[in-house]
Protein backbone atom coordinates (compact mmCIF):
# COMPACT_ATOMS: atom_id res chain seq x y z
CA MET A 1 18.00 4.64 -20.31
CA THR A 2 15.98 5.69 -17.25
CA MET A 3 13.50 3.53 -15.62
CA ASN A 4 12.06 4.20 -11.94
CA ALA A 5 12.95 2.22 -9.12
CA SER A 6 10.69 0.50 -6.97
CA THR A 7 10.78 0.45 -3.11
CA ILE A 8 12.02 -2.88 -1.21
CA LYS A 9 9.45 -3.32 1.89
CA TYR A 10 8.63 -5.34 4.10
CA TYR A 11 5.85 -5.89 6.45
CA ASP A 12 6.71 -4.85 9.99
CA GLU A 13 3.45 -6.62 11.47
CA GLY A 14 3.76 -4.75 15.19
CA SER A 15 3.45 -1.64 13.23
CA GLY A 16 1.35 -2.58 10.66
CA ARG A 17 3.47 -0.62 8.35
CA LEU A 18 5.04 -1.72 4.62
CA ILE A 19 8.87 -0.48 6.41
CA ALA A 20 11.64 0.75 2.95
CA ILE A 21 14.44 -1.40 3.77
CA GLY A 22 15.94 -1.02 -0.53
CA ALA A 23 15.36 -0.48 -4.03
CA GLY A 24 15.46 -2.08 -6.80
CA ILE A 25 14.71 -2.87 -11.15
CA TYR A 26 11.99 -4.12 -12.22
CA PRO A 27 11.69 -3.84 -15.74
CA SER A 28 7.39 -4.91 -15.54
CA ILE A 29 6.92 -3.13 -13.05
CA ALA A 30 8.80 0.27 -14.10
CA LYS A 31 6.80 0.38 -17.04
CA MET A 32 2.87 0.22 -15.42
CA ASN A 33 1.66 4.11 -14.92
CA HIS A 34 0.81 6.27 -11.81
CA SER A 35 -2.09 7.42 -10.45
CA CYS A 36 -2.74 9.23 -7.49
CA TYR A 37 -5.21 6.29 -6.64
CA SER A 38 -3.83 3.27 -7.61
CA ASN A 39 -5.10 -0.30 -8.38
CA THR A 40 -2.40 -2.86 -6.42
CA VAL A 41 0.04 -2.76 -4.42
CA CYS A 42 3.36 -4.18 -4.90
CA ILE A 43 4.89 -6.60 -1.87
CA PHE A 44 7.89 -8.28 -1.47
CA ASP A 45 9.21 -12.05 -0.89
CA GLY A 46 13.06 -10.97 -0.04
CA THR A 47 13.83 -9.23 -3.32
CA THR A 48 10.77 -10.90 -5.68
CA ALA A 49 7.98 -8.76 -6.17
CA VAL A 50 4.63 -9.29 -6.16
CA VAL A 51 1.91 -6.69 -7.21
CA LYS A 52 -1.92 -7.62 -6.67
CA ALA A 53 -4.62 -5.62 -7.55
CA TYR A 54 -7.03 -4.64 -4.48
CA GLN A 55 -9.51 -3.22 -5.89
CA TRP A 56 -12.23 -4.99 -8.99
CA VAL A 57 -10.78 -4.25 -11.88
CA ASP A 58 -12.41 -4.66 -15.43
CA PRO A 59 -11.36 -6.74 -17.64
CA GLY A 60 -9.60 -5.24 -20.49
CA SER A 61 -8.65 -1.94 -17.92
CA GLU A 62 -5.27 -0.39 -16.47
CA LEU A 63 -3.10 -1.66 -13.67
CA PHE A 64 -1.70 1.00 -11.76
CA ASN A 65 0.97 1.49 -9.69
CA SER A 66 1.48 4.71 -7.38
CA TYR A 67 4.88 6.35 -7.55
CA GLY A 68 4.89 8.02 -3.66
CA PHE A 69 1.93 10.35 -4.67
CA ASP A 70 -1.75 9.46 -3.54
CA PHE A 71 -4.24 11.89 -3.50
CA GLU A 72 -5.76 10.95 -0.22
CA SER A 73 -2.01 12.52 1.83
CA THR A 74 -0.91 14.61 -0.77
CA LEU A 75 -2.35 18.18 -1.76
CA LYS A 76 -3.41 18.44 -5.49
CA ALA A 77 -1.31 21.07 -6.36
CA ASP A 78 2.38 19.47 -3.84
CA ARG A 79 1.32 15.83 -6.18
CA GLN A 80 1.30 17.50 -9.63
CA VAL A 81 4.49 19.73 -8.20
CA GLY A 82 5.98 16.80 -7.36
CA LEU A 83 5.25 14.45 -10.13
CA ARG A 84 6.22 16.42 -12.39
CA MET A 85 9.90 17.62 -10.96
CA GLN A 86 10.17 13.69 -9.95
CA TYR A 87 9.16 11.93 -12.78
CA GLU A 88 8.87 15.16 -15.69
CA PHE A 89 4.89 14.15 -16.07
CA ASP A 90 1.97 16.04 -15.32
CA CYS A 91 -0.73 13.93 -13.81
CA PHE A 92 -4.49 13.72 -15.42
CA CYS A 93 -5.46 10.70 -13.43
CA ASP A 94 -9.25 10.82 -11.84
CA PRO A 95 -8.14 12.01 -8.51
CA CYS A 96 -6.60 15.28 -10.05
CA SER A 97 -8.85 15.86 -13.24
CA TYR A 98 -12.10 15.82 -10.75
CA SER A 99 -9.32 17.34 -7.86
CA TRP A 100 -10.73 14.14 -5.81
CA CYS A 101 -10.88 15.33 -2.05
CA ARG A 102 -12.10 12.66 0.94
CA ASP A 103 -15.16 13.48 2.65
CA ASP A 104 -16.44 11.90 5.41
CA SER A 105 -19.18 14.12 5.84
CA GLU A 106 -21.58 12.87 3.01
CA ARG A 107 -22.19 9.27 0.82
CA LYS A 108 -21.31 9.28 -3.03
CA ILE A 109 -23.40 7.39 -5.07
CA TYR A 110 -24.57 6.67 -8.61
CA CYS A 111 -28.22 6.71 -9.12
CA GLN A 112 -29.58 3.12 -10.16
CA LYS A 113 -31.83 4.35 -12.72
CA CYS A 114 -29.39 7.19 -14.61
CA PHE A 115 -26.12 6.32 -12.99
CA THR A 116 -25.96 10.16 -12.09
CA SER A 117 -23.02 10.40 -9.67
CA LEU A 118 -24.82 12.76 -6.32
CA SER A 119 -24.52 13.24 -2.94
CA LEU A 120 -26.73 11.73 -0.61
CA SER A 121 -28.02 12.74 2.42
CA ALA A 122 -30.28 13.04 4.56
CA TYR A 123 -32.05 15.93 3.09
CA ASN A 124 -31.04 14.32 -1.11
CA SER A 125 -34.15 11.71 -1.04
CA SER A 126 -34.51 11.53 -4.77
CA CYS A 127 -32.33 11.95 -7.81
CA THR A 128 -31.03 15.66 -8.85
CA ASN A 129 -31.42 14.36 -12.37
CA CYS A 130 -34.32 11.72 -12.71
CA SER A 131 -35.84 12.36 -9.54
CA ALA A 132 -36.22 8.66 -8.69
CA ASP A 133 -36.26 7.45 -4.93
CA LEU A 134 -33.02 6.91 -3.33
CA ALA A 135 -35.29 4.76 -0.49
CA GLU A 136 -33.76 1.38 -1.76
CA VAL A 137 -29.70 3.36 -1.98
CA PHE A 138 -30.01 4.40 1.49
CA LEU A 139 -30.73 1.00 2.69
CA LEU A 140 -28.10 -0.99 0.37
CA VAL A 141 -25.46 1.98 1.41
CA GLN A 142 -26.41 1.19 5.60
CA SER A 143 -25.93 -2.35 4.60
CA LEU A 144 -22.39 -2.09 3.29
CA GLU A 145 -21.76 0.00 6.34
CA GLU A 146 -22.54 -2.89 8.85
CA LYS A 147 -20.58 -4.72 6.62
CA PHE A 148 -17.32 -3.24 6.56
CA ASN A 149 -18.15 -3.39 10.24
CA GLU A 150 -17.61 -6.61 10.29
CA ALA A 151 -14.91 -7.35 8.29
CA TYR A 152 -12.96 -4.97 10.43
CA LYS A 153 -13.20 -7.02 13.05
CA LEU A 154 -12.41 -10.12 11.85
CA PHE A 155 -8.87 -7.75 10.79
CA GLN A 156 -8.61 -6.83 14.71
CA LEU A 157 -8.80 -10.78 15.27
CA LYS A 158 -6.35 -11.25 12.56
CA LYS A 159 -8.55 -13.80 10.51
CA TYR A 160 -7.19 -12.06 7.62
CA GLN A 161 -8.45 -14.51 4.83
CA LYS A 162 -11.86 -14.58 6.18
CA VAL A 163 -11.89 -10.65 5.32
CA LEU A 164 -11.09 -11.01 1.71
CA GLU A 165 -13.56 -13.75 1.62
CA PHE A 166 -15.97 -11.73 3.00
CA MET A 167 -15.04 -8.82 1.36
CA THR A 168 -14.31 -9.17 -1.85
CA HIS A 169 -17.60 -12.19 -2.42
CA SER A 170 -19.41 -11.72 -5.77
CA LYS A 171 -22.37 -9.94 -3.81
CA ALA A 172 -20.58 -7.42 -2.30
CA ARG A 173 -18.98 -6.58 -5.66
CA ARG A 174 -21.97 -5.58 -6.66
CA GLU A 175 -23.57 -3.70 -3.55
CA LEU A 176 -20.33 -1.45 -4.19
CA LYS A 177 -20.82 -0.06 -7.03
CA VAL A 178 -23.28 2.10 -6.24
CA LEU A 179 -20.76 3.99 -4.23
CA ALA A 180 -19.13 6.58 -6.65
CA LEU A 181 -15.19 7.67 -5.46
CA PRO A 182 -13.45 9.15 -3.47
CA ASP A 183 -16.64 7.91 -1.29
CA SER A 184 -15.02 7.19 2.34
CA LEU A 185 -16.63 4.23 3.05
CA LEU A 186 -15.28 2.75 -0.94
CA LEU A 187 -12.23 4.30 -0.14
CA ASP A 188 -11.62 2.61 3.69
CA TRP A 189 -13.46 -1.06 2.06
CA ASN A 190 -10.75 -1.26 -0.65
CA ASP A 191 -7.83 -0.51 1.88
CA LEU A 192 -9.16 -3.32 4.70
CA ILE A 193 -8.81 -5.45 1.38
CA LYS A 194 -4.90 -4.11 0.93
CA LYS A 195 -4.03 -4.34 4.06
CA ALA A 196 -5.87 -8.03 4.73
CA ILE A 197 -3.95 -8.52 1.31
CA ILE A 198 -0.55 -8.02 2.13
CA CYS A 199 -1.25 -9.99 6.10
CA VAL A 200 -2.30 -13.35 4.31
CA PHE A 201 0.91 -12.62 1.71
CA TYR A 202 3.45 -12.17 4.72
CA LYS A 203 1.58 -14.98 6.50
CA SER A 204 2.57 -17.39 4.34
CA LEU A 205 5.91 -16.68 4.31
């Protein structure tokens, strides 16, 4: 029987990174499917593995793991080759299916009237599909940017629990629905939550 192994890591607070120290077989985790933008992080208390979601997951939706390939650090062609050679499957996750590419130059948003995904810029004041005015979306995105900067300052002060309370509040989750992946602000928001989860977990040991 072939089964995926999980890399056992510990958190190095000095570098802020998870450092690999070994590998182990965890049958439940091995059953999780891969995504090049996973919604979970695997952390360890010794050899005990704990899987935590760091994105909002709707009831009934799937939890995804990362098999070591993610779209922000590896080109699509290289991910596809690596996954095919190492795990013998072709990846059809959203980043691969829609060729996600991080772009810090513009916001990716959903029109709040027709829910079309589009780019938001100073030259695009209305929805290209239904012509709805995007003025309120502009203001909401600016507010989210300010909130992210505030959360990042809390993280720098090592107030990790406050970061989680602030960034996962129900109001914040509602507001974030205006952003469409792979918007860089949404990527950074989720990444900061993941880092705070890791820090809170290892601080509690």
